[in-house]
C-alpha atoms as a PDB file:
ATOM      1  CA  MET A   1    -137.596 113.291 -15.158  1.00  0.00           C
ATOM      2  CA  SER A   2    -136.441 113.598 -18.683  1.00  0.00           C
ATOM      3  CA  SER A   3    -139.129 112.847 -21.219  1.00  0.00           C
ATOM      4  CA  SER A   4    -136.676 110.773 -23.243  1.00  0.00           C
ATOM      5  CA  LYS A   5    -135.951 108.423 -20.334  1.00  0.00           C
ATOM      6  CA  LYS A   6    -136.632 104.706 -20.354  1.00  0.00           C
ATOM      7  CA  TYR A   7    -137.971 103.048 -17.162  1.00  0.00           C
ATOM      8  CA  LEU A   8    -137.460  99.588 -15.718  1.00  0.00           C
ATOM      9  CA  GLY A   9    -140.380  97.959 -13.988  1.00  0.00           C
ATOM     10  CA  ILE A  10    -138.845  95.277 -11.711  1.00  0.00           C
ATOM     11  CA  ASP A  11    -141.020  92.640  -9.951  1.00  0.00           C
ATOM     12  CA  ILE A  12    -139.058  90.517  -7.544  1.00  0.00           C
ATOM     13  CA  GLY A  13    -141.258  87.580  -6.643  1.00  0.00           C
ATOM     14  CA  SER A  14    -140.803  84.259  -4.874  1.00  0.00           C
ATOM     15  CA  SER A  15    -140.824  82.404  -8.163  1.00  0.00           C
ATOM     16  CA  GLY A  16    -138.390  84.720 -10.030  1.00  0.00           C
ATOM     17  CA  ILE A  17    -137.715  88.220 -11.266  1.00  0.00           C
ATOM     18  CA  LYS A  18    -139.567  89.850 -14.100  1.00  0.00           C
ATOM     19  CA  VAL A  19    -138.330  93.068 -15.847  1.00  0.00           C
ATOM     20  CA  VAL A  20    -139.986  95.265 -18.444  1.00  0.00           C
ATOM     21  CA  GLU A  21    -138.349  98.246 -20.011  1.00  0.00           C
ATOM     22  CA  LEU A  22    -140.613 100.976 -21.482  1.00  0.00           C
ATOM     23  CA  LYS A  23    -139.586 104.065 -23.433  1.00  0.00           C
ATOM     24  CA  LYS A  24    -141.453 107.214 -24.366  1.00  0.00           C
ATOM     25  CA  GLY A  25    -142.953 106.928 -27.863  1.00  0.00           C
ATOM     26  CA  THR A  26    -144.794 109.413 -30.026  1.00  0.00           C
ATOM     27  CA  LYS A  27    -148.228 108.007 -29.014  1.00  0.00           C
ATOM     28  CA  GLY A  28    -147.396 106.814 -25.556  1.00  0.00           C
ATOM     29  CA  PRO A  29    -145.244 104.221 -23.717  1.00  0.00           C
ATOM     30  CA  GLU A  30    -143.523 101.739 -25.998  1.00  0.00           C
ATOM     31  CA  LEU A  31    -142.040  98.338 -25.192  1.00  0.00           C
ATOM     32  CA  SER A  32    -138.264  98.542 -25.322  1.00  0.00           C
ATOM     33  CA  SER A  33    -137.424  95.097 -23.906  1.00  0.00           C
ATOM     34  CA  TYR A  34    -138.415  92.496 -21.338  1.00  0.00           C
ATOM     35  CA  GLY A  35    -136.858  89.557 -19.537  1.00  0.00           C
ATOM     36  CA  PHE A  36    -137.450  87.236 -16.667  1.00  0.00           C
ATOM     37  CA  SER A  37    -136.115  84.358 -14.670  1.00  0.00           C
ATOM     38  CA  ASP A  38    -138.215  81.504 -13.336  1.00  0.00           C
ATOM     39  CA  SER A  39    -137.970  79.192 -10.183  1.00  0.00           C
ATOM     40  CA  THR A  40    -135.401  81.252  -8.260  1.00  0.00           C
ATOM     41  CA  ASN A  41    -137.312  80.955  -4.902  1.00  0.00           C
ATOM     42  CA  LEU A  42    -136.151  84.356  -3.635  1.00  0.00           C
ATOM     43  CA  LYS A  43    -137.165  85.460  -0.165  1.00  0.00           C
ATOM     44  CA  LEU A  44    -134.793  88.384   0.366  1.00  0.00           C
ATOM     45  CA  THR A  45    -134.370  87.413   3.995  1.00  0.00           C
ATOM     46  CA  SER A  46    -130.604  87.031   3.970  1.00  0.00           C
ATOM     47  CA  ASP A  47    -127.490  88.649   2.519  1.00  0.00           C
ATOM     48  CA  ARG A  48    -127.130  85.626   0.277  1.00  0.00           C
ATOM     49  CA  ASP A  49    -130.587  86.135  -1.181  1.00  0.00           C
ATOM     50  CA  ILE A  50    -129.877  89.869  -1.759  1.00  0.00           C
ATOM     51  CA  GLU A  51    -126.679  89.013  -3.547  1.00  0.00           C
ATOM     52  CA  LEU A  52    -128.406  86.328  -5.634  1.00  0.00           C
ATOM     53  CA  ALA A  53    -131.229  88.675  -6.610  1.00  0.00           C
ATOM     54  CA  SER A  54    -128.818  91.382  -7.701  1.00  0.00           C
ATOM     55  CA  LEU A  55    -126.841  88.865  -9.840  1.00  0.00           C
ATOM     56  CA  ILE A  56    -129.992  87.495 -11.488  1.00  0.00           C
ATOM     57  CA  LEU A  57    -131.199  91.082 -12.131  1.00  0.00           C
ATOM     58  CA  LYS A  58    -127.884  92.029 -13.704  1.00  0.00           C
ATOM     59  CA  LYS A  59    -128.030  89.015 -15.980  1.00  0.00           C
ATOM     60  CA  ILE A  60    -131.595  89.694 -17.129  1.00  0.00           C
ATOM     61  CA  ILE A  61    -130.799  93.357 -17.941  1.00  0.00           C
ATOM     62  CA  LYS A  62    -127.658  92.434 -19.811  1.00  0.00           C
ATOM     63  CA  GLU A  63    -129.178  89.574 -21.830  1.00  0.00           C
ATOM     64  CA  SER A  64    -132.288  91.574 -22.720  1.00  0.00           C
ATOM     65  CA  GLY A  65    -130.219  94.596 -23.943  1.00  0.00           C
ATOM     66  CA  MET A  66    -131.775  97.040 -21.465  1.00  0.00           C
ATOM     67  CA  ASP A  67    -129.849 100.198 -20.889  1.00  0.00           C
ATOM     68  CA  SER A  68    -132.046 102.210 -18.498  1.00  0.00           C
ATOM     69  CA  LYS A  69    -130.699 102.803 -14.975  1.00  0.00           C
ATOM     70  CA  THR A  70    -133.989 104.095 -13.515  1.00  0.00           C
ATOM     71  CA  ALA A  71    -135.950 101.355 -11.800  1.00  0.00           C
ATOM     72  CA  ILE A  72    -139.413 101.205 -10.227  1.00  0.00           C
ATOM     73  CA  ALA A  73    -140.006  98.173  -8.004  1.00  0.00           C
ATOM     74  CA  ALA A  74    -142.900  96.507  -6.230  1.00  0.00           C
ATOM     75  CA  LEU A  75    -143.221  95.336  -2.654  1.00  0.00           C
ATOM     76  CA  PRO A  76    -145.269  92.084  -2.333  1.00  0.00           C
ATOM     77  CA  ALA A  77    -148.867  92.769  -1.454  1.00  0.00           C
ATOM     78  CA  TYR A  78    -148.918  90.112   1.312  1.00  0.00           C
ATOM     79  CA  ALA A  79    -146.102  91.925   3.153  1.00  0.00           C
ATOM     80  CA  VAL A  80    -147.566  95.406   2.945  1.00  0.00           C
ATOM     81  CA  PHE A  81    -150.527  96.632   5.045  1.00  0.00           C
ATOM     82  CA  SER A  82    -153.143  98.928   3.580  1.00  0.00           C
ATOM     83  CA  SER A  83    -156.386 100.341   4.840  1.00  0.00           C
ATOM     84  CA  VAL A  84    -158.858 103.057   3.943  1.00  0.00           C
ATOM     85  CA  LEU A  85    -159.329 105.358   6.921  1.00  0.00           C
ATOM     86  CA  ASN A  86    -162.460 107.467   7.436  1.00  0.00           C
ATOM     87  CA  LEU A  87    -161.528 110.698   9.161  1.00  0.00           C
ATOM     88  CA  SER A  88    -164.310 112.893  10.518  1.00  0.00           C
ATOM     89  CA  ASN A  89    -164.202 116.516  11.667  1.00  0.00           C
ATOM     90  CA  VAL A  90    -160.557 116.824  10.698  1.00  0.00           C
ATOM     91  CA  ASN A  91    -159.136 119.832   8.813  1.00  0.00           C
ATOM     92  CA  LYS A  92    -156.323 119.415   6.384  1.00  0.00           C
ATOM     93  CA  LYS A  93    -153.681 120.712   8.828  1.00  0.00           C
ATOM     94  CA  GLU A  94    -154.512 117.977  11.210  1.00  0.00           C
ATOM     95  CA  ILE A  95    -154.678 115.049   8.741  1.00  0.00           C
ATOM     96  CA  GLU A  96    -151.090 113.816   9.254  1.00  0.00           C
ATOM     97  CA  SER A  97    -151.402 113.525  13.081  1.00  0.00           C
ATOM     98  CA  ALA A  98    -154.900 111.971  12.646  1.00  0.00           C
ATOM     99  CA  VAL A  99    -153.549 109.397  10.223  1.00  0.00           C
ATOM    100  CA  HIS A 100    -150.812 108.392  12.706  1.00  0.00           C
ATOM    101  CA  TRP A 101    -153.274 108.107  15.447  1.00  0.00           C
ATOM    102  CA  GLU A 102    -155.572 105.884  13.443  1.00  0.00           C
ATOM    103  CA  ALA A 103    -152.624 103.896  12.116  1.00  0.00           C
ATOM    104  CA  LYS A 104    -151.885 102.716  15.685  1.00  0.00           C
ATOM    105  CA  LYS A 105    -155.310 101.134  15.776  1.00  0.00           C
ATOM    106  CA  VAL A 106    -155.127  99.236  12.493  1.00  0.00           C
ATOM    107  CA  ILE A 107    -151.474  98.303  11.940  1.00  0.00           C
ATOM    108  CA  PRO A 108    -150.533  95.254  14.002  1.00  0.00           C
ATOM    109  CA  LEU A 109    -146.828  96.201  14.229  1.00  0.00           C
ATOM    110  CA  PRO A 110    -145.136  99.050  16.169  1.00  0.00           C
ATOM    111  CA  LEU A 111    -145.242 102.187  13.974  1.00  0.00           C
ATOM    112  CA  GLU A 112    -141.516 102.761  14.642  1.00  0.00           C
ATOM    113  CA  GLU A 113    -140.885  99.577  12.605  1.00  0.00           C
ATOM    114  CA  MET A 114    -142.907 100.727   9.645  1.00  0.00           C
ATOM    115  CA  ILE A 115    -142.717 103.242   6.808  1.00  0.00           C
ATOM    116  CA  LEU A 116    -146.072 104.929   6.365  1.00  0.00           C
ATOM    117  CA  ASP A 117    -147.499 106.544   3.316  1.00  0.00           C
ATOM    118  CA  TRP A 118    -150.938 108.002   2.849  1.00  0.00           C
ATOM    119  CA  GLN A 119    -152.999 109.916   0.307  1.00  0.00           C
ATOM    120  CA  ILE A 120    -156.493 111.485   0.311  1.00  0.00           C
ATOM    121  CA  VAL A 121    -158.783 109.449  -1.927  1.00  0.00           C
ATOM    122  CA  GLU A 122    -162.168 111.049  -1.262  1.00  0.00           C
ATOM    123  CA  GLU A 123    -163.502 114.164   0.457  1.00  0.00           C
ATOM    124  CA  GLY A 124    -167.015 114.662   1.653  1.00  0.00           C
ATOM    125  CA  SER A 125    -169.069 117.624   0.596  1.00  0.00           C
ATOM    126  CA  ASP A 126    -168.584 119.334   3.928  1.00  0.00           C
ATOM    127  CA  ALA A 127    -164.776 118.828   3.656  1.00  0.00           C
ATOM    128  CA  ASP A 128    -164.759 117.449   7.247  1.00  0.00           C
ATOM    129  CA  ASN A 129    -165.209 113.781   6.224  1.00  0.00           C
ATOM    130  CA  ILE A 130    -162.153 112.533   4.422  1.00  0.00           C
ATOM    131  CA  LYS A 131    -161.159 109.056   3.219  1.00  0.00           C
ATOM    132  CA  VAL A 132    -157.467 108.369   3.359  1.00  0.00           C
ATOM    133  CA  LEU A 133    -155.627 105.392   1.848  1.00  0.00           C
ATOM    134  CA  LEU A 134    -152.967 104.338   4.387  1.00  0.00           C
ATOM    135  CA  THR A 135    -150.054 102.079   3.337  1.00  0.00           C
ATOM    136  CA  GLY A 136    -147.494 100.721   5.731  1.00  0.00           C
ATOM    137  CA  ALA A 137    -144.327  98.620   4.847  1.00  0.00           C
ATOM    138  CA  PRO A 138    -141.873  97.160   7.346  1.00  0.00           C
ATOM    139  CA  LYS A 139    -138.576  99.106   7.311  1.00  0.00           C
ATOM    140  CA  ASN A 140    -136.410  96.020   7.188  1.00  0.00           C
ATOM    141  CA  LEU A 141    -138.302  94.847   3.987  1.00  0.00           C
ATOM    142  CA  VAL A 142    -137.775  98.224   2.343  1.00  0.00           C
ATOM    143  CA  LYS A 143    -134.076  98.108   3.261  1.00  0.00           C
ATOM    144  CA  GLN A 144    -133.700  94.713   1.640  1.00  0.00           C
ATOM    145  CA  TYR A 145    -135.103  96.021  -1.670  1.00  0.00           C
ATOM    146  CA  ILE A 146    -132.836  99.118  -1.446  1.00  0.00           C
ATOM    147  CA  ASP A 147    -129.825  96.836  -0.931  1.00  0.00           C
ATOM    148  CA  VAL A 148    -130.649  94.817  -4.078  1.00  0.00           C
ATOM    149  CA  PHE A 149    -130.761  97.927  -6.237  1.00  0.00           C
ATOM    150  CA  LYS A 150    -127.571  99.373  -4.761  1.00  0.00           C
ATOM    151  CA  LYS A 151    -125.752  96.171  -5.632  1.00  0.00           C
ATOM    152  CA  THR A 152    -127.227  96.227  -9.119  1.00  0.00           C
ATOM    153  CA  ASN A 153    -126.107  99.864  -9.611  1.00  0.00           C
ATOM    154  CA  LEU A 154    -129.638 100.958 -10.475  1.00  0.00           C
ATOM    155  CA  ASN A 155    -131.388 104.158  -9.418  1.00  0.00           C
ATOM    156  CA  LEU A 156    -134.419 103.096  -7.381  1.00  0.00           C
ATOM    157  CA  PHE A 157    -136.820 105.800  -8.507  1.00  0.00           C
ATOM    158  CA  SER A 158    -139.822 104.497  -6.553  1.00  0.00           C
ATOM    159  CA  LEU A 159    -141.229 101.590  -4.535  1.00  0.00           C
ATOM    160  CA  GLU A 160    -144.909 100.807  -4.488  1.00  0.00           C
ATOM    161  CA  THR A 161    -147.159  97.771  -3.844  1.00  0.00           C
ATOM    162  CA  GLU A 162    -147.977  95.264  -6.468  1.00  0.00           C
ATOM    163  CA  THR A 163    -151.677  96.252  -6.206  1.00  0.00           C
ATOM    164  CA  PHE A 164    -151.110  99.765  -7.536  1.00  0.00           C
ATOM    165  CA  SER A 165    -149.100  98.407 -10.457  1.00  0.00           C
ATOM    166  CA  LEU A 166    -151.848  95.948 -11.372  1.00  0.00           C
ATOM    167  CA  ILE A 167    -154.449  98.716 -11.294  1.00  0.00           C
ATOM    168  CA  ARG A 168    -152.324 100.823 -13.541  1.00  0.00           C
ATOM    169  CA  SER A 169    -151.566  98.138 -16.148  1.00  0.00           C
ATOM    170  CA  ILE A 170    -154.855  96.168 -16.116  1.00  0.00           C
ATOM    171  CA  LEU A 171    -157.548  98.790 -15.293  1.00  0.00           C
ATOM    172  CA  GLY A 172    -156.047 101.813 -16.947  1.00  0.00           C
ATOM    173  CA  ASN A 173    -158.753 104.563 -16.747  1.00  0.00           C
ATOM    174  CA  ASP A 174    -161.514 102.200 -15.698  1.00  0.00           C
ATOM    175  CA  LYS A 175    -163.028 103.681 -12.557  1.00  0.00           C
ATOM    176  CA  SER A 176    -165.732 101.106 -12.004  1.00  0.00           C
ATOM    177  CA  THR A 177    -165.798  98.796  -9.007  1.00  0.00           C
ATOM    178  CA  VAL A 178    -163.867  95.622  -9.905  1.00  0.00           C
ATOM    179  CA  LEU A 179    -162.095  92.728  -8.297  1.00  0.00           C
ATOM    180  CA  ILE A 180    -158.493  91.928  -9.232  1.00  0.00           C
ATOM    181  CA  LEU A 181    -157.460  88.370  -8.652  1.00  0.00           C
ATOM    182  CA  GLU A 182    -153.661  88.028  -8.801  1.00  0.00           C
ATOM    183  CA  LEU A 183    -152.832  84.300  -8.933  1.00  0.00           C
ATOM    184  CA  GLY A 184    -149.180  84.105  -8.047  1.00  0.00           C
ATOM    185  CA  HIS A 185    -146.771  81.219  -7.634  1.00  0.00           C
ATOM    186  CA  ASN A 186    -147.046  80.862  -3.891  1.00  0.00           C
ATOM    187  CA  THR A 187    -149.758  83.319  -2.926  1.00  0.00           C
ATOM    188  CA  THR A 188    -153.019  84.758  -4.276  1.00  0.00           C
ATOM    189  CA  ASP A 189    -154.011  88.408  -3.760  1.00  0.00           C
ATOM    190  CA  VAL A 190    -157.593  89.477  -3.894  1.00  0.00           C
ATOM    191  CA  THR A 191    -158.212  93.246  -4.327  1.00  0.00           C
ATOM    192  CA  ILE A 192    -161.380  95.273  -4.785  1.00  0.00           C
ATOM    193  CA  ALA A 193    -160.654  98.635  -6.536  1.00  0.00           C
ATOM    194  CA  ARG A 194    -163.017 101.539  -6.864  1.00  0.00           C
ATOM    195  CA  ASN A 195    -162.175 104.757  -8.826  1.00  0.00           C
ATOM    196  CA  GLY A 196    -158.775 103.243  -9.401  1.00  0.00           C
ATOM    197  CA  ILE A 197    -158.065 102.935  -5.664  1.00  0.00           C
ATOM    198  CA  PRO A 198    -157.734  99.665  -3.750  1.00  0.00           C
ATOM    199  CA  VAL A 199    -160.405  99.708  -0.989  1.00  0.00           C
ATOM    200  CA  LEU A 200    -160.103  96.093   0.206  1.00  0.00           C
ATOM    201  CA  SER A 201    -157.225  93.694  -0.086  1.00  0.00           C
ATOM    202  CA  ARG A 202    -156.661  90.162   1.167  1.00  0.00           C
ATOM    203  CA  SER A 203    -153.988  87.522   0.622  1.00  0.00           C
ATOM    204  CA  ILE A 204    -153.842  83.759   1.031  1.00  0.00           C
ATOM    205  CA  ASP A 205    -150.893  81.393   0.972  1.00  0.00           C
ATOM    206  CA  LEU A 206    -151.998  79.447  -2.023  1.00  0.00           C
ATOM    207  CA  GLY A 207    -151.004  79.811  -5.679  1.00  0.00           C
ATOM    208  CA  GLY A 208    -150.096  78.019  -8.880  1.00  0.00           C
ATOM    209  CA  LEU A 209    -147.433  75.919  -7.194  1.00  0.00           C
ATOM    210  CA  ALA A 210    -150.083  74.137  -5.132  1.00  0.00           C
ATOM    211  CA  ILE A 211    -151.950  73.152  -8.298  1.00  0.00           C
ATOM    212  CA  THR A 212    -148.705  71.835  -9.895  1.00  0.00           C
ATOM    213  CA  ARG A 213    -147.978  69.781  -6.843  1.00  0.00           C
ATOM    214  CA  ALA A 214    -151.502  68.297  -6.770  1.00  0.00           C
ATOM    215  CA  ILE A 215    -151.081  67.144 -10.408  1.00  0.00           C
ATOM    216  CA  SER A 216    -147.561  65.867  -9.598  1.00  0.00           C
ATOM    217  CA  ARG A 217    -148.910  63.687  -6.712  1.00  0.00           C
ATOM    218  CA  ASN A 218    -151.928  62.538  -8.740  1.00  0.00           C
ATOM    219  CA  LEU A 219    -149.858  61.398 -11.744  1.00  0.00           C
ATOM    220  CA  GLY A 220    -146.667  60.443  -9.949  1.00  0.00           C
ATOM    221  CA  ILE A 221    -144.565  62.796 -12.166  1.00  0.00           C
ATOM    222  CA  ALA A 222    -141.929  65.497 -11.634  1.00  0.00           C
ATOM    223  CA  GLU A 223    -143.195  68.982 -10.905  1.00  0.00           C
ATOM    224  CA  GLU A 224    -141.648  70.270 -14.198  1.00  0.00           C
ATOM    225  CA  ARG A 225    -143.838  67.984 -16.229  1.00  0.00           C
ATOM    226  CA  ALA A 226    -146.842  68.682 -13.941  1.00  0.00           C
ATOM    227  CA  GLU A 227    -146.429  72.393 -14.659  1.00  0.00           C
ATOM    228  CA  GLN A 228    -147.032  71.852 -18.402  1.00  0.00           C
ATOM    229  CA  PHE A 229    -149.897  69.432 -17.736  1.00  0.00           C
ATOM    230  CA  LYS A 230    -151.586  72.068 -15.623  1.00  0.00           C
ATOM    231  CA  TYR A 231    -151.989  74.428 -18.590  1.00  0.00           C
ATOM    232  CA  ASP A 232    -152.818  71.721 -21.053  1.00  0.00           C
ATOM    233  CA  LEU A 233    -155.638  70.199 -18.911  1.00  0.00           C
ATOM    234  CA  GLY A 234    -156.953  73.254 -17.089  1.00  0.00           C
ATOM    235  CA  VAL A 235    -160.064  72.995 -14.925  1.00  0.00           C
ATOM    236  CA  GLY A 236    -162.300  71.677 -17.726  1.00  0.00           C
ATOM    237  CA  THR A 237    -165.436  73.395 -18.924  1.00  0.00           C
ATOM    238  CA  ASP A 238    -167.732  70.367 -18.590  1.00  0.00           C
ATOM    239  CA  SER A 239    -169.467  70.434 -15.219  1.00  0.00           C
ATOM    240  CA  GLY A 240    -169.730  66.697 -15.369  1.00  0.00           C
ATOM    241  CA  GLN A 241    -165.986  66.373 -15.729  1.00  0.00           C
ATOM    242  CA  LYS A 242    -164.956  63.142 -13.885  1.00  0.00           C
ATOM    243  CA  ASP A 243    -161.241  63.073 -14.839  1.00  0.00           C
ATOM    244  CA  SER A 244    -159.161  62.873 -11.707  1.00  0.00           C
ATOM    245  CA  ILE A 245    -156.655  65.532 -12.808  1.00  0.00           C
ATOM    246  CA  PRO A 246    -159.099  68.361 -13.435  1.00  0.00           C
ATOM    247  CA  SER A 247    -160.794  67.308 -10.217  1.00  0.00           C
ATOM    248  CA  ALA A 248    -157.498  67.689  -8.366  1.00  0.00           C
ATOM    249  CA  ILE A 249    -157.143  71.162  -9.842  1.00  0.00           C
ATOM    250  CA  LEU A 250    -160.705  72.086  -8.843  1.00  0.00           C
ATOM    251  CA  GLU A 251    -160.105  70.970  -5.294  1.00  0.00           C
ATOM    252  CA  THR A 252    -156.885  73.037  -5.131  1.00  0.00           C
ATOM    253  CA  VAL A 253    -158.491  76.263  -6.381  1.00  0.00           C
ATOM    254  CA  ALA A 254    -161.648  75.896  -4.211  1.00  0.00           C
ATOM    255  CA  PRO A 255    -160.076  77.852  -1.264  1.00  0.00           C
ATOM    256  CA  ILE A 256    -159.185  80.654  -3.667  1.00  0.00           C
ATOM    257  CA  ILE A 257    -162.808  80.824  -4.971  1.00  0.00           C
ATOM    258  CA  ASN A 258    -164.066  80.778  -1.370  1.00  0.00           C
ATOM    259  CA  GLU A 259    -161.739  83.737  -0.602  1.00  0.00           C
ATOM    260  CA  VAL A 260    -163.083  85.665  -3.561  1.00  0.00           C
ATOM    261  CA  LYS A 261    -166.698  85.005  -2.485  1.00  0.00           C
ATOM    262  CA  TYR A 262    -165.860  86.140   1.094  1.00  0.00           C
ATOM    263  CA  THR A 263    -164.153  89.326  -0.103  1.00  0.00           C
ATOM    264  CA  ILE A 264    -167.034  90.212  -2.362  1.00  0.00           C
ATOM    265  CA  ASP A 265    -169.526  89.599   0.383  1.00  0.00           C
ATOM    266  CA  LEU A 266    -167.562  91.630   2.877  1.00  0.00           C
ATOM    267  CA  PHE A 267    -167.319  94.611   0.548  1.00  0.00           C
ATOM    268  CA  GLU A 268    -170.856  94.566  -0.742  1.00  0.00           C
ATOM    269  CA  ASN A 269    -172.371  94.260   2.732  1.00  0.00           C
ATOM    270  CA  LYS A 270    -170.232  97.099   4.119  1.00  0.00           C
ATOM    271  CA  GLU A 271    -170.372  99.449   1.164  1.00  0.00           C
ATOM    272  CA  ASN A 272    -173.795  98.606  -0.142  1.00  0.00           C
ATOM    273  CA  GLN A 273    -172.294  98.538  -3.655  1.00  0.00           C
ATOM    274  CA  LYS A 274    -171.829  95.763  -6.187  1.00  0.00           C
ATOM    275  CA  VAL A 275    -168.671  94.457  -7.673  1.00  0.00           C
ATOM    276  CA  GLY A 276    -169.171  94.646 -11.460  1.00  0.00           C
ATOM    277  CA  LYS A 277    -166.568  92.279 -12.865  1.00  0.00           C
ATOM    278  CA  ILE A 278    -163.303  90.373 -12.157  1.00  0.00           C
ATOM    279  CA  PHE A 279    -159.910  90.688 -13.816  1.00  0.00           C
ATOM    280  CA  MET A 280    -157.424  87.875 -13.388  1.00  0.00           C
ATOM    281  CA  SER A 281    -153.643  88.226 -13.501  1.00  0.00           C
ATOM    282  CA  GLY A 282    -150.551  86.096 -12.795  1.00  0.00           C
ATOM    283  CA  GLY A 283    -149.409  83.065 -14.670  1.00  0.00           C
ATOM    284  CA  THR A 284    -152.101  80.769 -13.289  1.00  0.00           C
ATOM    285  CA  SER A 285    -154.808  83.042 -14.804  1.00  0.00           C
ATOM    286  CA  LEU A 286    -154.050  81.299 -18.139  1.00  0.00           C
ATOM    287  CA  LEU A 287    -155.314  77.975 -16.774  1.00  0.00           C
ATOM    288  CA  PHE A 288    -157.707  76.597 -19.371  1.00  0.00           C
ATOM    289  CA  GLY A 289    -161.331  77.011 -18.418  1.00  0.00           C
ATOM    290  CA  LEU A 290    -160.604  78.914 -15.191  1.00  0.00           C
ATOM    291  CA  ALA A 291    -162.351  82.175 -16.232  1.00  0.00           C
ATOM    292  CA  GLU A 292    -165.463  80.238 -17.290  1.00  0.00           C
ATOM    293  CA  HIS A 293    -165.417  78.198 -14.093  1.00  0.00           C
ATOM    294  CA  LEU A 294    -165.324  81.333 -11.987  1.00  0.00           C
ATOM    295  CA  GLU A 295    -168.075  82.964 -14.045  1.00  0.00           C
ATOM    296  CA  GLY A 296    -170.320  80.013 -13.413  1.00  0.00           C
ATOM    297  CA  ILE A 297    -169.810  80.048  -9.684  1.00  0.00           C
ATOM    298  CA  LEU A 298    -169.749  83.795  -9.026  1.00  0.00           C
ATOM    299  CA  ASN A 299    -172.187  84.919 -11.644  1.00  0.00           C
ATOM    300  CA  LEU A 300    -169.851  87.724 -12.678  1.00  0.00           C
ATOM    301  CA  LYS A 301    -168.002  88.362 -15.901  1.00  0.00           C
ATOM    302  CA  VAL A 302    -164.362  87.235 -15.546  1.00  0.00           C
ATOM    303  CA  PHE A 303    -161.597  88.502 -17.851  1.00  0.00           C
ATOM    304  CA  VAL A 304    -157.873  87.757 -18.095  1.00  0.00           C
ATOM    305  CA  GLY A 305    -156.401  91.233 -17.748  1.00  0.00           C
ATOM    306  CA  ASP A 306    -154.444  92.644 -20.752  1.00  0.00           C
ATOM    307  CA  PRO A 307    -151.510  94.714 -19.320  1.00  0.00           C
ATOM    308  CA  TRP A 308    -150.377  95.532 -22.914  1.00  0.00           C
ATOM    309  CA  ALA A 309    -153.571  97.444 -23.692  1.00  0.00           C
ATOM    310  CA  HIS A 310    -151.902 100.804 -23.137  1.00  0.00           C
ATOM    311  CA  ILE A 311    -148.480  99.889 -24.456  1.00  0.00           C
ATOM    312  CA  TYR A 312    -147.278 100.146 -28.085  1.00  0.00           C
ATOM    313  CA  TYR A 313    -145.250  97.194 -29.449  1.00  0.00           C
ATOM    314  CA  PRO A 314    -144.407  95.468 -32.752  1.00  0.00           C
ATOM    315  CA  GLU A 315    -147.484  93.620 -33.968  1.00  0.00           C
ATOM    316  CA  GLU A 316    -145.490  90.474 -34.787  1.00  0.00           C
ATOM    317  CA  LEU A 317    -144.787  90.056 -31.034  1.00  0.00           C
ATOM    318  CA  LYS A 318    -148.502  89.926 -30.139  1.00  0.00           C
ATOM    319  CA  PRO A 319    -148.824  86.084 -29.783  1.00  0.00           C
ATOM    320  CA  THR A 320    -145.805  85.924 -27.463  1.00  0.00           C
ATOM    321  CA  LEU A 321    -146.764  88.995 -25.496  1.00  0.00           C
ATOM    322  CA  ASP A 322    -150.356  87.772 -25.050  1.00  0.00           C
ATOM    323  CA  GLU A 323    -149.010  84.586 -23.430  1.00  0.00           C
ATOM    324  CA  LEU A 324    -146.580  86.456 -21.209  1.00  0.00           C
ATOM    325  CA  GLY A 325    -148.887  89.340 -20.293  1.00  0.00           C
ATOM    326  CA  PRO A 326    -150.409  87.904 -17.079  1.00  0.00           C
ATOM    327  CA  LYS A 327    -146.885  87.064 -15.815  1.00  0.00           C
ATOM    328  CA  LEU A 328    -145.547  90.485 -16.549  1.00  0.00           C
ATOM    329  CA  SER A 329    -148.535  92.570 -15.408  1.00  0.00           C
ATOM    330  CA  VAL A 330    -146.859  93.961 -12.286  1.00  0.00           C
ATOM    331  CA  SER A 331    -143.623  94.915 -14.018  1.00  0.00           C
ATOM    332  CA  ILE A 332    -145.515  96.538 -16.906  1.00  0.00           C
ATOM    333  CA  GLY A 333    -147.507  98.633 -14.437  1.00  0.00           C
ATOM    334  CA  LEU A 334    -144.363  99.566 -12.604  1.00  0.00           C
ATOM    335  CA  ALA A 335    -142.599 100.840 -15.753  1.00  0.00           C
ATOM    336  CA  MET A 336    -145.770 102.700 -16.669  1.00  0.00           C
ATOM    337  CA  ARG A 337    -145.489 104.743 -13.516  1.00  0.00           C
ATOM    338  CA  GLY A 338    -142.499 106.588 -14.986  1.00  0.00           C
ATOM    339  CA  PHE A 339    -144.872 108.141 -17.567  1.00  0.00           C
ATOM    340  CA  HIS A 340    -147.557 109.167 -15.128  1.00  0.00           C
END
């Protein structure tokens, strides 16, 4: 890994592809370029999708003036299984076989269809009680990503889950117990991280698109216009809000809030430890009044995560980057991996 290299963080999502290029600066990672496409509805389930993804990716890289060939990409959190395993009375020579044995109990698919990765995240004082973070990804999913990068003529340096990228870009060195709420286009991922490690993750099939469609139905307008209305109106900060559009938004986000509540209760009851705060990410996190609405319901401080906090960039770009930050959080975290 040459210290002069640039790294591409590439997030291939159902709503589009986001790319951030970082380079090594004198003080730390610097923004070199960024680019994205929207509304491509990529599933990577067919050769046609793989071909389309590679063409879009090539176009983004060319039009954004990126010249790095080293890419780090993210697998979608909903498609990857992860669990913290508690191993007792196991010495380090036996860990690998113990992990595979435990993986059979917790992964719902045959292990021969999965690529497993694991790392020790905590060791007890007697060195016989070990916590291991297990991650499993379907082999066919990994192959689809590899095929995209082969067609794009990029060197796929690493694949990781979106969750690790978000922890890197949003939390940085924050080791406290926090909840990360990634509000995507089609899905929402809820993760509790402690000491920079995801200890509990859940996903639901509900995201920003559902809010857009609720507004579209309510007003009888096209989804393109409804998308802009969504950010203009927000959820409203007045608890007595009677307007039908914010009410429609509130009804749509209610299942997401219930999932957050459930995840917090599940963690706190099991671990006897409190979640200290919430960081939001994803384009829908910019919804007007959403952070305040969550704070009122959950009685926790809620922040929109700033993935640019550890990146150097021209000051005149700040207004634009602040607006784009939640959308690019995963790709920023991916590119940052090249410097860790």
